[in-house]
Amino acid sequence: MSWLFGIKGPKGEGAGPPLSLPPAQPGGEGGGDRGAGDRPAPKDKWSNFDPTGLERAAKAARELEHSRHAKEALSLAQMQEQTLQLEQQSKLKEYEAAVEQLKSEQIRVQAEERRKTLGEETRQHQARAQYQDKLARQRYEDQLKQQQLLNEENLRKQEESVQKQEAMRRATVEREMELRHKNEMLRVEAEARARAKAERENADIIREQIRLKAAEHRQTILESIRTAGTLFGEGFRAFVTDWDKVTATVAGLTLLAVGVYSAKNATSVAGRYIEARLGKPSLVRETSRITVLEALRHPMQPSLEARVRDIAIATRNTKKNRSLYRNILMYGPPGTGKTLFAKKLALHSGMDYAIMTGGDVAPMGRDGVTAVHKVFDWASTSRRGLLLFVDEADAFLRKRATEKISEDLRATLNAFLHRTGQHSSKFMLVLASNQPEQFDWAVNDRIDEMVRFDLPRQEERERLVRMYFDKYVLKPATEGKQRLKLAQFDYGKKCSEIAHLTEGMSGREISQLAVAWQAMAYASEDGVLTEAMVDARVQDAIQQHQQKMQWLKAEGARPEGGQAA
């Protein structure tokens, strides 16, 4: 109902004329005008009230009451008032919703700030932990370095002390030997002077004693000769005059001559029989058959390696079943273990072995045929079976059609082919050669199985280096029986590096390299083998191997150049 009183609502509805001031008092107009500037304005709240608004409201109410639209106007006013209230409530709810949204936004912002804060704190904690860990590792590494330096310093001091003690001991020994030598020389000189003085003083007596001893000795010899002549003459006279003694003496001498002749022939026959059964032929350089002279030379060998297991098992079963042995050819570069293969094959299969080389056959000339027959006759007497290993077999088993060989060597080859024409249950033939293409075709026809020996690979070289390093360097250094010491370095890593550097080398070359390390240690002043010495010897071995390969290539290219010319 605010419109009845001329008061503007929130939206300006019911705007009426402005309230006028109450009329002035009649008696006081002039006084009021005159004293307006002299008196202050009244302070009563009703002093500015305008009653005309109430009058208009009352008049409008009376008119509205008598109007036929009074109820509708009242309802409309109520509805407007409710609408205003609802709008006020909706604005209040919107305000509350805005407040809640602002609170939610503040909570989200606070949570985001808290999350960022936690992330930053976590990152700082991690950085601090990493920095502390880095400091701890650096501190530990510094401690290790200091400990290592301390150990090296102690080791250096110990070595210096040992060297000083060794130098003092050597100087002491040298001084003692020098003094002993001087004393010995003084004693000898004194004895010589005394002996010479005594001899000078007793020269006349000594000469007289020598003269008397010589005369006595001469008289004794003359008496002995005279007595022996008298006895011999009487005995011979008595023997000649007695014919029974002469007859018995002649018969005894005859029987003695017959006995000596018979014993000589019997000894020769027995010697040939023993030589055939136990004696080693001249062509055989090494054998595992036990003889009187070689019973202590060949102790038991270790078991065979894995790469010959199949052939060894087959050979052992052949021996057990008393079947025929197969002939084997081993070929490949030198120093790859062909001889070791043959020895271990024989030992693993329970057979004896004998090693001969083809280079010993050609110089024998006419005796080569007899020597070959003797070898095979001797091989047939083995009760365990014999593995006959012929090293460098291409030296006398060459092609008869194209190669220029002597008649004696040709006859020896024919004898060899005759004795190996059929398989035997007594012996097994194993040939080894670096050039098998030079064999006579008949020799190739007698081969049942061929085994190729290649140069060792990386793993095999490393195993060989470790084995020979342990045999020739590490074991003598640790046992302390020899003048050999080993400096401190990583032996396993060094063996792996050497195995990588020695590509193309054979097992024999690696063995020679280990022996060279030992020799370098013996040649040094203190007997210590250092890592630098090992590396230097490895480089020398590599250069020597490369030089050998160049010689081999030049030798292989020389016949081609001659043919082209």
Protein backbone atom coordinates (compact mmCIF):
# COMPACT_ATOMS: atom_id res chain seq x y z
CA MET A 1 0.00 0.00 0.00
CA SER A 2 2.99 2.28 -0.29
CA TRP A 3 1.58 3.82 -3.45
CA LEU A 4 -1.25 5.27 -1.38
CA PHE A 5 1.23 7.35 0.54
CA GLY A 6 3.31 8.50 -2.41
CA ILE A 7 6.44 6.52 -1.40
CA LYS A 8 8.58 5.02 -4.16
CA GLY A 9 9.16 1.29 -3.96
CA PRO A 10 12.32 -0.57 -4.92
CA LYS A 11 11.48 -0.39 -8.60
CA GLY A 12 9.91 3.11 -8.53
CA GLU A 13 6.28 1.90 -8.57
CA GLY A 14 3.61 4.24 -7.05
CA ALA A 15 5.53 7.38 -7.68
CA GLY A 16 3.46 10.25 -6.49
CA PRO A 17 4.00 13.88 -6.02
CA PRO A 18 6.65 14.78 -3.57
CA LEU A 19 5.63 15.52 -0.04
CA SER A 20 5.30 19.24 0.59
CA LEU A 21 6.36 20.98 3.74
CA PRO A 22 3.73 21.92 6.29
CA PRO A 23 2.45 25.46 5.98
CA ALA A 24 4.12 28.15 8.00
CA GLN A 25 2.58 29.76 11.02
CA PRO A 26 0.70 32.94 10.14
CA GLY A 27 2.11 34.92 12.91
CA GLY A 28 5.54 34.01 12.37
CA GLU A 29 6.07 34.57 8.63
CA GLY A 30 7.77 37.89 8.97
CA GLY A 31 9.59 36.82 12.08
CA GLY A 32 10.53 33.63 10.33
CA ASP A 33 11.87 35.48 7.33
CA ARG A 34 13.60 37.92 9.48
CA GLY A 35 15.13 35.41 11.81
CA ALA A 36 15.85 32.60 9.36
CA GLY A 37 19.42 33.35 9.40
CA ASP A 38 19.51 34.02 13.10
CA ARG A 39 17.82 30.80 14.51
CA PRO A 40 18.87 27.22 13.83
CA ALA A 41 16.46 24.75 12.16
CA PRO A 42 14.15 22.76 14.42
CA LYS A 43 15.43 19.35 15.39
CA ASP A 44 12.00 17.57 15.78
CA LYS A 45 11.47 14.59 13.40
CA TRP A 46 7.98 15.70 12.65
CA SER A 47 9.06 19.17 11.73
CA ASN A 48 9.42 18.20 8.07
CA PHE A 49 6.37 15.87 7.88
CA ASP A 50 3.95 16.60 5.02
CA PRO A 51 0.33 15.71 5.93
CA THR A 52 -0.89 16.19 2.40
CA GLY A 53 0.29 12.71 1.59
CA LEU A 54 -1.95 11.27 4.26
CA GLU A 55 -4.79 13.32 3.05
CA ARG A 56 -4.33 12.06 -0.46
CA ALA A 57 -4.08 8.54 0.83
CA ALA A 58 -7.26 8.87 2.82
CA LYS A 59 -9.01 10.37 -0.15
CA ALA A 60 -7.79 7.60 -2.42
CA ALA A 61 -8.88 5.03 0.12
CA ARG A 62 -12.33 6.48 0.27
CA GLU A 63 -12.53 6.54 -3.49
CA LEU A 64 -11.23 3.03 -3.73
CA GLU A 65 -13.66 1.82 -1.11
CA HIS A 66 -16.62 3.20 -3.04
CA SER A 67 -15.12 1.92 -6.34
CA ARG A 68 -16.25 -1.36 -7.82
CA HIS A 69 -12.68 -2.32 -8.49
CA ALA A 70 -11.61 -2.10 -4.90
CA LYS A 71 -11.19 -5.81 -4.38
CA GLU A 72 -9.28 -6.24 -7.59
CA ALA A 73 -7.00 -3.38 -6.70
CA LEU A 74 -6.42 -4.83 -3.25
CA SER A 75 -5.71 -8.23 -4.73
CA LEU A 76 -3.43 -6.69 -7.26
CA ALA A 77 -1.60 -4.81 -4.54
CA GLN A 78 -1.23 -8.02 -2.52
CA MET A 79 0.00 -9.86 -5.51
CA GLN A 80 2.50 -7.10 -6.26
CA GLU A 81 3.63 -7.23 -2.64
CA GLN A 82 4.02 -11.04 -2.82
CA THR A 83 5.87 -10.69 -6.09
CA LEU A 84 8.22 -8.22 -4.52
CA GLN A 85 8.75 -10.56 -1.59
CA LEU A 86 9.38 -13.48 -3.90
CA GLU A 87 11.84 -11.38 -5.90
CA GLN A 88 13.52 -10.39 -2.69
CA GLN A 89 13.70 -14.05 -1.60
CA SER A 90 15.07 -15.13 -5.01
CA LYS A 91 17.68 -12.38 -4.86
CA LEU A 92 18.52 -13.52 -1.34
CA LYS A 93 18.88 -17.11 -2.52
CA GLU A 94 20.99 -16.00 -5.45
CA TYR A 95 23.14 -14.07 -3.05
CA GLU A 96 23.42 -17.09 -0.79
CA ALA A 97 24.24 -19.29 -3.81
CA ALA A 98 26.89 -16.78 -4.90
CA VAL A 99 28.27 -16.81 -1.37
CA GLU A 100 28.36 -20.63 -1.35
CA GLN A 101 30.01 -20.67 -4.78
CA LEU A 102 32.54 -18.14 -3.55
CA LYS A 103 33.20 -20.33 -0.51
CA SER A 104 33.58 -23.40 -2.77
CA GLU A 105 35.98 -21.48 -5.01
CA GLN A 106 37.91 -20.37 -1.94
CA ILE A 107 38.08 -24.04 -0.74
CA ARG A 108 39.21 -25.18 -4.20
CA VAL A 109 41.83 -22.44 -4.34
CA GLN A 110 42.99 -23.31 -0.85
CA ALA A 111 43.17 -27.03 -1.79
CA GLU A 112 45.12 -26.16 -4.95
CA GLU A 113 47.46 -23.98 -2.95
CA ARG A 114 47.82 -26.76 -0.37
CA ARG A 115 48.54 -29.30 -3.15
CA LYS A 116 51.13 -27.01 -4.70
CA THR A 117 52.64 -26.45 -1.27
CA LEU A 118 52.82 -30.20 -0.60
CA GLY A 119 54.33 -30.79 -4.07
CA GLU A 120 56.92 -28.10 -3.49
CA GLU A 121 57.71 -29.51 -0.04
CA THR A 122 58.00 -33.04 -1.52
CA ARG A 123 60.30 -31.78 -4.27
CA GLN A 124 62.40 -29.95 -1.73
CA HIS A 125 62.55 -33.08 0.46
CA GLN A 126 63.59 -35.18 -2.53
CA ALA A 127 66.21 -32.63 -3.57
CA ARG A 128 67.47 -32.50 0.00
CA ALA A 129 67.57 -36.33 0.19
CA GLN A 130 69.38 -36.56 -3.16
CA TYR A 131 71.85 -33.94 -2.08
CA GLN A 132 72.43 -35.74 1.22
CA ASP A 133 72.83 -39.06 -0.63
CA LYS A 134 75.26 -37.42 -3.04
CA LEU A 135 77.21 -36.02 -0.13
CA ALA A 136 77.22 -39.45 1.56
CA ARG A 137 78.44 -41.18 -1.63
CA GLN A 138 81.08 -38.53 -2.17
CA ARG A 139 82.13 -38.87 1.45
CA TYR A 140 82.31 -42.68 1.06
CA GLU A 141 84.29 -42.37 -2.16
CA ASP A 142 86.66 -39.94 -0.47
CA GLN A 143 87.08 -42.39 2.38
CA LEU A 144 87.76 -45.22 -0.09
CA LYS A 145 90.29 -43.08 -1.95
CA GLN A 146 91.97 -42.13 1.29
CA GLN A 147 92.00 -45.78 2.38
CA GLN A 148 93.38 -46.81 -0.99
CA LEU A 149 96.05 -44.14 -0.83
CA LEU A 150 96.86 -45.24 2.70
CA ASN A 151 97.07 -48.88 1.60
CA GLU A 152 99.26 -47.95 -1.34
CA GLU A 153 101.48 -45.90 0.93
CA ASN A 154 101.72 -48.80 3.39
CA LEU A 155 102.42 -51.22 0.56
CA ARG A 156 105.07 -48.90 -0.83
CA LYS A 157 106.64 -48.58 2.59
CA GLN A 158 106.54 -52.35 3.04
CA GLU A 159 108.12 -52.87 -0.36
CA GLU A 160 110.78 -50.30 0.42
CA SER A 161 111.38 -51.98 3.76
CA VAL A 162 111.61 -55.38 2.12
CA GLN A 163 113.94 -54.00 -0.53
CA LYS A 164 116.10 -52.37 2.12
CA GLN A 165 116.17 -55.59 4.14
CA GLU A 166 116.95 -57.57 1.01
CA ALA A 167 119.72 -55.11 0.09
CA MET A 168 121.11 -55.27 3.63
CA ARG A 169 120.94 -59.07 3.61
CA ARG A 170 122.61 -59.19 0.20
CA ALA A 171 125.28 -56.75 1.33
CA THR A 172 125.79 -58.78 4.50
CA VAL A 173 126.09 -62.01 2.56
CA GLU A 174 128.47 -60.43 0.08
CA ARG A 175 130.54 -59.01 2.92
CA GLU A 176 130.63 -62.39 4.67
CA MET A 177 131.62 -64.11 1.45
CA GLU A 178 134.30 -61.50 0.83
CA LEU A 179 135.70 -61.89 4.35
CA ARG A 180 135.52 -65.68 4.10
CA HIS A 181 137.32 -65.55 0.78
CA LYS A 182 139.99 -63.26 2.19
CA ASN A 183 140.46 -65.51 5.21
CA GLU A 184 140.60 -68.57 2.98
CA MET A 185 143.16 -66.91 0.74
CA LEU A 186 145.23 -65.85 3.76
CA ARG A 187 145.05 -69.38 5.19
CA VAL A 188 146.04 -70.96 1.87
CA GLU A 189 148.83 -68.46 1.43
CA ALA A 190 150.08 -69.09 4.96
CA GLU A 191 149.94 -72.86 4.48
CA ALA A 192 151.75 -72.56 1.13
CA ARG A 193 154.44 -70.39 2.67
CA ALA A 194 154.86 -72.77 5.59
CA ARG A 195 154.97 -75.78 3.27
CA ALA A 196 157.48 -74.08 0.99
CA LYS A 197 159.63 -73.10 3.96
CA ALA A 198 159.50 -76.61 5.34
CA GLU A 199 160.35 -78.10 1.97
CA ARG A 200 163.28 -75.72 1.59
CA GLU A 201 164.57 -76.59 5.01
CA ASN A 202 164.12 -80.39 4.48
CA ALA A 203 165.08 -80.58 0.79
CA ASP A 204 168.20 -82.72 1.44
CA ILE A 205 166.35 -85.14 3.70
CA ILE A 206 163.48 -85.45 1.21
CA ARG A 207 165.83 -86.15 -1.68
CA GLU A 208 167.60 -88.85 0.36
CA GLN A 209 164.26 -90.46 1.27
CA ILE A 210 163.16 -90.45 -2.37
CA ARG A 211 166.45 -92.10 -3.45
CA LEU A 212 166.20 -94.80 -0.77
CA LYS A 213 162.51 -95.50 -1.65
CA ALA A 214 163.36 -95.80 -5.36
CA ALA A 215 166.24 -98.21 -4.70
CA GLU A 216 164.10 -100.32 -2.40
CA HIS A 217 161.24 -100.38 -4.94
CA ARG A 218 163.65 -101.40 -7.75
CA GLN A 219 165.09 -104.19 -5.64
CA THR A 220 161.64 -105.44 -4.76
CA ILE A 221 160.54 -105.51 -8.41
CA LEU A 222 163.69 -107.40 -9.45
CA GLU A 223 163.15 -109.99 -6.73
CA SER A 224 159.50 -110.39 -7.75
CA ILE A 225 160.42 -110.88 -11.43
CA ARG A 226 163.09 -113.39 -10.52
CA THR A 227 160.75 -115.37 -8.28
CA ALA A 228 157.87 -115.29 -10.84
CA GLY A 229 160.18 -116.50 -13.64
CA THR A 230 161.44 -119.35 -11.53
CA LEU A 231 157.93 -120.47 -10.58
CA PHE A 232 156.58 -120.14 -14.15
CA GLY A 233 159.49 -122.11 -15.60
CA GLU A 234 159.09 -124.94 -13.11
CA GLY A 235 155.33 -125.06 -13.63
CA PHE A 236 155.59 -125.06 -17.44
CA ARG A 237 158.24 -127.79 -17.32
CA ALA A 238 155.99 -129.89 -15.08
CA PHE A 239 152.95 -129.26 -17.33
CA VAL A 240 154.73 -130.19 -20.52
CA THR A 241 156.13 -133.41 -19.07
CA ASP A 242 152.61 -134.50 -17.88
CA TRP A 243 150.46 -135.52 -20.97
CA ASP A 244 147.28 -136.01 -18.92
CA LYS A 245 147.26 -132.35 -17.88
CA VAL A 246 147.89 -131.22 -21.46
CA THR A 247 144.92 -133.28 -22.75
CA ALA A 248 142.58 -131.96 -20.00
CA THR A 249 143.61 -128.37 -20.69
CA VAL A 250 142.94 -128.69 -24.45
CA ALA A 251 139.52 -130.26 -23.80
CA GLY A 252 138.59 -127.52 -21.33
CA LEU A 253 139.55 -124.76 -23.75
CA THR A 254 137.50 -126.41 -26.53
CA LEU A 255 134.41 -126.69 -24.32
CA LEU A 256 134.86 -123.06 -23.21
CA ALA A 257 134.94 -121.87 -26.83
CA VAL A 258 131.80 -123.89 -27.66
CA GLY A 259 129.99 -122.45 -24.60
CA VAL A 260 130.91 -118.87 -25.45
CA TYR A 261 129.67 -119.29 -29.04
CA SER A 262 126.40 -120.91 -27.91
CA ALA A 263 125.79 -118.26 -25.26
CA LYS A 264 126.39 -115.51 -27.82
CA ASN A 265 123.84 -116.95 -30.28
CA ALA A 266 121.31 -117.62 -27.52
CA THR A 267 121.69 -114.07 -26.19
CA SER A 268 121.14 -112.65 -29.68
CA VAL A 269 117.97 -114.72 -30.19
CA ALA A 270 116.63 -113.79 -26.74
CA GLY A 271 117.47 -110.12 -27.34
CA ARG A 272 115.56 -110.08 -30.62
CA TYR A 273 112.57 -111.75 -28.93
CA ILE A 274 112.59 -109.29 -26.00
CA GLU A 275 113.03 -106.37 -28.38
CA ALA A 276 110.05 -107.57 -30.43
CA ARG A 277 107.92 -107.87 -27.28
CA LEU A 278 109.10 -104.96 -25.14
CA GLY A 279 111.73 -102.99 -27.01
CA LYS A 280 110.82 -99.67 -28.62
CA PRO A 281 111.62 -99.35 -32.34
CA SER A 282 113.94 -96.58 -33.44
CA LEU A 283 111.19 -94.75 -35.31
CA VAL A 284 109.01 -94.51 -32.20
CA ARG A 285 109.86 -91.32 -30.29
CA GLU A 286 107.38 -91.68 -27.42
CA THR A 287 105.17 -94.46 -26.16
CA SER A 288 102.94 -95.24 -23.20
CA ARG A 289 103.82 -98.95 -23.22
CA ILE A 290 105.60 -99.77 -19.99
CA THR A 291 109.18 -100.92 -20.45
CA VAL A 292 112.08 -101.27 -18.06
CA LEU A 293 113.54 -97.89 -19.07
CA GLU A 294 110.24 -95.98 -19.35
CA ALA A 295 108.25 -97.27 -16.39
CA LEU A 296 108.66 -93.98 -14.50
CA ARG A 297 108.54 -91.61 -17.48
CA HIS A 298 104.79 -91.68 -18.20
CA PRO A 299 102.49 -91.31 -15.18
CA MET A 300 98.70 -91.45 -15.44
CA GLN A 301 97.18 -88.67 -17.62
CA PRO A 302 93.86 -86.83 -16.95
CA SER A 303 90.62 -87.77 -18.69
CA LEU A 304 89.98 -86.75 -22.27
CA GLU A 305 88.32 -83.44 -23.16
CA ALA A 306 84.75 -83.22 -24.37
CA ARG A 307 85.49 -82.70 -28.06
CA VAL A 308 87.01 -86.22 -28.48
CA ARG A 309 84.39 -87.96 -26.38
CA ASP A 310 82.43 -89.47 -29.25
CA ILE A 311 85.47 -90.92 -31.02
CA ALA A 312 86.94 -92.08 -27.71
CA ILE A 313 83.73 -93.87 -26.70
CA ALA A 314 83.55 -95.60 -30.07
CA THR A 315 87.22 -96.62 -29.82
CA ARG A 316 86.78 -97.90 -26.27
CA ASN A 317 83.76 -99.98 -27.26
CA THR A 318 85.71 -101.30 -30.24
CA LYS A 319 88.48 -102.40 -27.87
CA LYS A 320 86.03 -104.07 -25.49
CA ASN A 321 84.35 -105.98 -28.33
CA ARG A 322 87.73 -106.86 -29.91
CA SER A 323 86.58 -105.45 -33.22
CA LEU A 324 88.56 -103.70 -35.96
CA TYR A 325 89.91 -100.24 -35.26
CA ARG A 326 89.25 -97.31 -37.57
CA ASN A 327 91.99 -95.08 -39.00
CA ILE A 328 91.77 -91.34 -38.34
CA LEU A 329 93.27 -88.30 -40.08
CA MET A 330 93.74 -85.09 -38.08
CA TYR A 331 94.55 -81.98 -40.08
CA GLY A 332 94.70 -78.27 -39.44
CA PRO A 333 97.13 -75.47 -38.56
CA PRO A 334 100.13 -76.31 -36.39
CA GLY A 335 99.85 -75.99 -32.64
CA THR A 336 96.12 -76.77 -32.40
CA GLY A 337 96.42 -79.87 -30.18
CA LYS A 338 96.53 -82.80 -32.58
CA THR A 339 99.19 -84.69 -30.60
CA LEU A 340 97.32 -84.06 -27.35
CA PHE A 341 94.17 -85.36 -29.04
CA ALA A 342 95.91 -88.63 -29.94
CA LYS A 343 97.35 -89.13 -26.44
CA LYS A 344 94.05 -88.49 -24.69
CA LEU A 345 92.20 -90.64 -27.20
CA ALA A 346 94.50 -93.56 -26.37
CA LEU A 347 94.35 -92.98 -22.61
CA HIS A 348 90.57 -92.55 -22.54
CA SER A 349 89.99 -95.72 -24.57
CA GLY A 350 92.45 -97.76 -22.47
CA MET A 351 95.02 -98.25 -25.24
CA ASP A 352 98.77 -97.77 -25.42
CA TYR A 353 100.05 -95.07 -27.71
CA ALA A 354 103.23 -94.61 -29.73
CA ILE A 355 104.30 -91.40 -31.46
CA MET A 356 106.52 -91.30 -34.53
CA THR A 357 107.23 -88.50 -36.97
CA GLY A 358 107.36 -88.74 -40.74
CA GLY A 359 110.54 -86.69 -40.89
CA ASP A 360 112.51 -89.59 -39.34
CA VAL A 361 111.70 -92.01 -42.17
CA ALA A 362 113.34 -90.31 -45.17
CA PRO A 363 116.89 -90.07 -43.69
CA MET A 364 116.90 -93.83 -42.98
CA GLY A 365 117.29 -94.69 -46.68
CA ARG A 366 117.28 -98.44 -47.30
CA ASP A 367 116.68 -99.15 -43.62
CA GLY A 368 113.28 -97.42 -43.80
CA VAL A 369 111.47 -100.54 -45.00
CA THR A 370 112.91 -102.63 -42.16
CA ALA A 371 112.09 -99.90 -39.64
CA VAL A 372 108.46 -99.66 -40.81
CA HIS A 373 107.97 -103.44 -40.60
CA LYS A 374 109.58 -103.41 -37.17
CA VAL A 375 107.16 -100.70 -35.97
CA PHE A 376 104.08 -102.64 -37.08
CA ASP A 377 105.44 -105.93 -35.72
CA TRP A 378 106.07 -104.23 -32.40
CA ALA A 379 102.57 -102.64 -32.48
CA SER A 380 100.97 -106.06 -33.01
CA THR A 381 102.45 -107.36 -29.73
CA SER A 382 100.48 -104.93 -27.54
CA ARG A 383 97.93 -106.70 -25.37
CA ARG A 384 95.89 -103.51 -24.75
CA GLY A 385 95.90 -102.38 -28.35
CA LEU A 386 98.19 -99.67 -29.67
CA LEU A 387 97.32 -96.24 -31.08
CA LEU A 388 100.08 -95.47 -33.59
CA PHE A 389 100.26 -91.71 -34.06
CA VAL A 390 102.24 -90.53 -37.11
CA ASP A 391 102.99 -86.81 -36.80
CA GLU A 392 103.88 -84.83 -39.95
CA ALA A 393 102.78 -87.84 -41.97
CA ASP A 394 102.94 -85.91 -45.25
CA ALA A 395 106.77 -85.96 -44.98
CA PHE A 396 106.94 -89.54 -46.38
CA LEU A 397 103.38 -90.38 -47.47
CA ARG A 398 103.54 -88.13 -50.53
CA LYS A 399 102.05 -88.76 -53.94
CA ARG A 400 104.07 -91.31 -55.88
CA ALA A 401 102.84 -90.19 -59.30
CA THR A 402 103.59 -86.45 -59.15
CA GLU A 403 106.11 -85.97 -56.34
CA LYS A 404 109.80 -86.60 -56.97
CA ILE A 405 110.77 -89.03 -54.23
CA SER A 406 113.70 -91.42 -53.95
CA GLU A 407 113.41 -95.13 -54.57
CA ASP A 408 114.14 -95.86 -50.91
CA LEU A 409 111.31 -93.58 -49.78
CA ARG A 410 109.02 -95.09 -52.41
CA ALA A 411 109.80 -98.58 -51.09
CA THR A 412 109.16 -97.39 -47.53
CA LEU A 413 105.79 -95.95 -48.60
CA ASN A 414 104.88 -99.23 -50.29
CA ALA A 415 105.77 -101.12 -47.11
CA PHE A 416 103.55 -98.77 -45.10
CA LEU A 417 100.67 -99.25 -47.53
CA HIS A 418 101.15 -103.03 -47.38
CA ARG A 419 100.92 -103.10 -43.56
CA THR A 420 97.86 -100.80 -43.46
CA GLY A 421 95.92 -102.35 -46.35
CA GLN A 422 93.42 -103.98 -43.99
CA HIS A 423 91.93 -102.95 -40.66
CA SER A 424 93.54 -104.46 -37.60
CA SER A 425 92.32 -105.37 -34.14
CA LYS A 426 95.81 -104.86 -32.72
CA PHE A 427 96.56 -101.25 -33.56
CA MET A 428 94.79 -98.05 -34.59
CA LEU A 429 96.43 -95.65 -37.08
CA VAL A 430 96.14 -91.92 -36.47
CA LEU A 431 97.76 -89.54 -38.98
CA ALA A 432 98.41 -85.85 -38.40
CA SER A 433 99.28 -83.36 -41.12
CA ASN A 434 99.22 -79.64 -41.88
CA GLN A 435 99.02 -80.33 -45.64
CA PRO A 436 96.78 -83.38 -46.21
CA GLU A 437 96.41 -82.56 -49.90
CA GLN A 438 99.94 -83.94 -50.42
CA PHE A 439 98.96 -87.48 -49.37
CA ASP A 440 99.08 -90.31 -51.86
CA TRP A 441 95.63 -91.42 -52.98
CA ALA A 442 96.19 -94.88 -51.51
CA VAL A 443 96.80 -93.26 -48.10
CA ASN A 444 93.54 -91.27 -48.37
CA ASP A 445 91.76 -94.51 -49.22
CA ARG A 446 92.87 -96.02 -45.88
CA ILE A 447 91.39 -93.14 -43.81
CA ASP A 448 88.01 -93.84 -42.18
CA GLU A 449 87.36 -90.53 -40.41
CA MET A 450 88.82 -87.03 -40.71
CA VAL A 451 88.93 -84.52 -37.84
CA ARG A 452 89.72 -80.88 -38.52
CA PHE A 453 91.45 -78.79 -35.86
CA ASP A 454 90.79 -75.07 -36.31
CA LEU A 455 92.43 -72.20 -34.49
CA PRO A 456 90.89 -71.51 -31.06
CA ARG A 457 88.00 -69.07 -30.85
CA GLN A 458 87.56 -66.26 -28.31
CA GLU A 459 86.27 -68.46 -25.46
CA GLU A 460 88.85 -71.18 -26.12
CA ARG A 461 91.68 -68.63 -26.24
CA GLU A 462 90.57 -67.14 -22.94
CA ARG A 463 90.48 -70.59 -21.35
CA LEU A 464 93.96 -71.36 -22.74
CA VAL A 465 95.37 -68.03 -21.53
CA ARG A 466 93.97 -68.59 -18.05
CA MET A 467 95.23 -72.18 -17.95
CA TYR A 468 98.79 -71.33 -19.07
CA PHE A 469 98.91 -68.18 -16.90
CA ASP A 470 98.01 -70.30 -13.88
CA LYS A 471 100.54 -73.00 -14.85
CA TYR A 472 103.59 -70.88 -15.72
CA VAL A 473 103.06 -67.67 -13.69
CA LEU A 474 100.48 -67.80 -10.92
CA LYS A 475 101.32 -71.21 -9.46
CA PRO A 476 105.13 -70.68 -9.34
CA ALA A 477 104.54 -67.23 -7.79
CA THR A 478 102.20 -68.52 -5.06
CA GLU A 479 104.20 -71.61 -4.17
CA GLY A 480 107.30 -69.53 -3.48
CA LYS A 481 109.74 -72.23 -4.57
CA GLN A 482 111.01 -70.21 -7.53
CA ARG A 483 112.34 -66.69 -8.02
CA LEU A 484 109.08 -65.35 -9.35
CA LYS A 485 106.73 -62.71 -7.97
CA LEU A 486 103.56 -61.22 -9.41
CA ALA A 487 102.53 -57.58 -9.16
CA GLN A 488 99.01 -56.59 -8.14
CA PHE A 489 96.57 -56.22 -11.06
CA ASP A 490 93.29 -57.74 -12.25
CA TYR A 491 94.43 -61.12 -13.62
CA GLY A 492 90.99 -62.18 -14.92
CA LYS A 493 90.42 -58.93 -16.82
CA LYS A 494 93.95 -59.04 -18.21
CA CYS A 495 93.46 -62.65 -19.45
CA SER A 496 90.24 -61.61 -21.21
CA GLU A 497 92.02 -58.69 -22.90
CA ILE A 498 94.88 -60.95 -24.02
CA ALA A 499 92.41 -63.49 -25.40
CA HIS A 500 90.84 -60.71 -27.47
CA LEU A 501 94.24 -59.48 -28.73
CA THR A 502 95.60 -62.92 -29.66
CA GLU A 503 93.06 -63.61 -32.39
CA GLY A 504 94.49 -65.99 -34.98
CA MET A 505 97.08 -67.53 -32.64
CA SER A 506 97.28 -71.24 -31.96
CA GLY A 507 97.37 -72.97 -28.59
CA ARG A 508 101.11 -73.53 -28.90
CA GLU A 509 101.72 -69.80 -29.49
CA ILE A 510 99.65 -68.95 -26.40
CA SER A 511 101.67 -71.48 -24.39
CA GLN A 512 104.90 -69.93 -25.66
CA LEU A 513 103.56 -66.50 -24.65
CA ALA A 514 103.03 -67.72 -21.05
CA VAL A 515 106.55 -69.19 -20.97
CA ALA A 516 107.85 -65.82 -22.22
CA TRP A 517 106.12 -64.08 -19.27
CA GLN A 518 107.90 -66.42 -16.90
CA ALA A 519 111.24 -65.78 -18.62
CA MET A 520 110.75 -62.00 -18.39
CA ALA A 521 110.11 -62.28 -14.65
CA TYR A 522 113.28 -64.36 -14.22
CA ALA A 523 115.26 -61.84 -16.28
CA SER A 524 114.17 -58.84 -14.17
CA GLU A 525 116.24 -57.62 -11.25
CA ASP A 526 113.63 -58.21 -8.55
CA GLY A 527 111.85 -61.14 -10.22
CA VAL A 528 108.48 -59.33 -10.30
CA LEU A 529 106.20 -59.68 -13.32
CA THR A 530 104.27 -56.42 -13.82
CA GLU A 531 101.28 -55.64 -16.00
CA ALA A 532 103.44 -53.48 -18.28
CA MET A 533 105.81 -56.41 -18.85
CA VAL A 534 102.85 -58.66 -19.71
CA ASP A 535 101.48 -56.12 -22.20
CA ALA A 536 104.90 -55.61 -23.79
CA ARG A 537 105.39 -59.34 -24.30
CA VAL A 538 101.88 -59.66 -25.76
CA GLN A 539 102.64 -56.93 -28.31
CA ASP A 540 105.89 -58.69 -29.25
CA ALA A 541 104.02 -61.97 -29.71
CA ILE A 542 101.40 -60.26 -31.90
CA GLN A 543 104.11 -58.71 -34.09
CA GLN A 544 105.90 -62.05 -34.41
CA HIS A 545 102.64 -63.76 -35.36
CA GLN A 546 101.94 -61.12 -38.01
CA GLN A 547 105.46 -61.54 -39.39
CA LYS A 548 104.94 -65.33 -39.59
CA MET A 549 101.67 -64.78 -41.45
CA GLN A 550 103.43 -62.48 -43.93
CA TRP A 551 106.08 -65.14 -44.53
CA LEU A 552 103.37 -67.73 -45.04
CA LYS A 553 101.54 -65.55 -47.56
CA ALA A 554 104.77 -64.84 -49.40
CA GLU A 555 105.57 -68.55 -49.51
CA GLY A 556 102.08 -69.33 -50.83
CA ALA A 557 102.35 -66.63 -53.54
CA ARG A 558 105.86 -67.64 -54.69
CA PRO A 559 104.89 -70.72 -56.79
CA GLU A 560 102.18 -68.72 -58.55
CA GLY A 561 104.69 -66.04 -59.49
CA GLY A 562 107.07 -68.69 -60.82
CA GLN A 563 104.35 -70.24 -62.96
CA ALA A 564 103.34 -66.84 -64.34
CA ALA A 565 106.91 -66.15 -65.30
